[in-house]
Amino acid sequence: MEVNLVTESIKFMVLGMTTVYLFLILLIYVLKFQAFIIQKYFSKKSESKSLSKKTEPANLHLGVVDNQNDETMLVAAITTAIAEYRKNS
């Protein structure tokens, strides 16, 4: 009788593991398909090209800072935040 229970438990284990494996494979393909659809219809390259053409002349007149200055400001803000945290600790 115990052999029968062990056999049944092995069958259920294999069935469960197979179900999980197949579900994960299906999930991978669905996510790949979703990424393909998003890249095809919602590509940021086309948006960024159209936005950069529209905003480039406006940036020159408004005096918008460049990326290097943005990074410098970000580093300064992080450094200040760390210094304040250390003062309060």
Protein backbone atom coordinates (compact mmCIF):
# COMPACT_ATOMS: atom_id res chain seq x y z
CA MET A 1 0.00 0.00 0.00
CA GLU A 2 2.85 2.41 0.75
CA VAL A 3 4.34 1.87 -2.69
CA ASN A 4 1.09 2.98 -4.24
CA LEU A 5 1.10 6.21 -2.18
CA VAL A 6 4.70 6.96 -3.14
CA THR A 7 3.88 6.39 -6.80
CA GLU A 8 0.87 8.67 -6.59
CA SER A 9 2.88 11.38 -4.85
CA ILE A 10 5.59 11.19 -7.53
CA LYS A 11 2.93 11.47 -10.23
CA PHE A 12 1.46 14.57 -8.58
CA MET A 13 4.91 16.07 -8.11
CA VAL A 14 5.77 15.59 -11.79
CA LEU A 15 2.37 16.94 -12.83
CA GLY A 16 2.79 20.02 -10.65
CA MET A 17 6.35 20.70 -11.77
CA THR A 18 5.37 20.29 -15.42
CA THR A 19 2.46 22.68 -14.98
CA VAL A 20 4.70 25.32 -13.40
CA TYR A 21 7.36 24.85 -16.07
CA LEU A 22 4.86 25.22 -18.90
CA PHE A 23 3.32 28.28 -17.27
CA LEU A 24 6.74 29.93 -16.95
CA ILE A 25 7.57 29.17 -20.58
CA LEU A 26 4.23 30.64 -21.64
CA LEU A 27 4.90 33.71 -19.49
CA ILE A 28 8.30 34.25 -21.12
CA TYR A 29 6.83 34.16 -24.61
CA VAL A 30 3.95 36.45 -23.68
CA LEU A 31 6.38 39.00 -22.22
CA LYS A 32 8.60 38.80 -25.30
CA PHE A 33 5.57 39.35 -27.52
CA GLN A 34 4.47 42.26 -25.36
CA ALA A 35 7.93 43.85 -25.61
CA PHE A 36 7.83 43.43 -29.38
CA ILE A 37 4.43 45.11 -29.61
CA ILE A 38 5.49 47.97 -27.34
CA GLN A 39 8.67 48.58 -29.32
CA LYS A 40 6.82 48.47 -32.59
CA TYR A 41 3.93 50.78 -31.76
CA PHE A 42 5.22 52.87 -28.86
CA SER A 43 8.83 53.46 -29.81
CA LYS A 44 10.52 56.32 -27.97
CA LYS A 45 12.90 56.93 -30.87
CA SER A 46 10.19 58.44 -33.02
CA GLU A 47 8.90 60.52 -30.10
CA SER A 48 12.33 61.77 -29.09
CA LYS A 49 13.15 62.81 -32.65
CA SER A 50 9.93 64.75 -33.01
CA LEU A 51 10.26 66.29 -29.55
CA SER A 52 13.88 67.28 -30.02
CA LYS A 53 13.05 69.02 -33.30
CA LYS A 54 10.20 70.92 -31.69
CA THR A 55 11.97 71.88 -28.48
CA GLU A 56 15.47 72.57 -29.75
CA PRO A 57 14.85 76.18 -30.84
CA ALA A 58 12.92 76.86 -27.65
CA ASN A 59 15.83 75.56 -25.57
CA LEU A 60 18.17 78.06 -27.16
CA HIS A 61 15.92 80.99 -26.29
CA LEU A 62 15.07 79.84 -22.78
CA GLY A 63 18.67 79.20 -21.74
CA VAL A 64 18.11 75.57 -20.74
CA VAL A 65 21.21 74.02 -19.18
CA ASP A 66 22.98 71.13 -20.86
CA ASN A 67 23.32 67.56 -19.58
CA GLN A 68 26.77 68.11 -18.05
CA ASN A 69 25.44 70.95 -15.91
CA ASP A 70 22.43 68.81 -14.95
CA GLU A 71 24.74 66.04 -13.76
CA THR A 72 26.81 68.54 -11.79
CA MET A 73 23.68 69.86 -10.11
CA LEU A 74 22.56 66.30 -9.33
CA VAL A 75 25.91 65.44 -7.75
CA ALA A 76 25.78 68.64 -5.70
CA ALA A 77 22.26 67.83 -4.49
CA ILE A 78 23.23 64.29 -3.51
CA THR A 79 26.36 65.51 -1.72
CA THR A 80 24.34 68.09 0.21
CA ALA A 81 21.74 65.48 1.17
CA ILE A 82 24.44 63.12 2.45
CA ALA A 83 26.07 65.92 4.45
CA GLU A 84 22.73 66.86 6.03
CA TYR A 85 22.01 63.24 6.85
CA ARG A 86 25.39 62.86 8.55
CA LYS A 87 24.81 66.05 10.57
CA ASN A 88 21.46 64.78 11.83
CA SER A 89 22.71 61.27 12.65
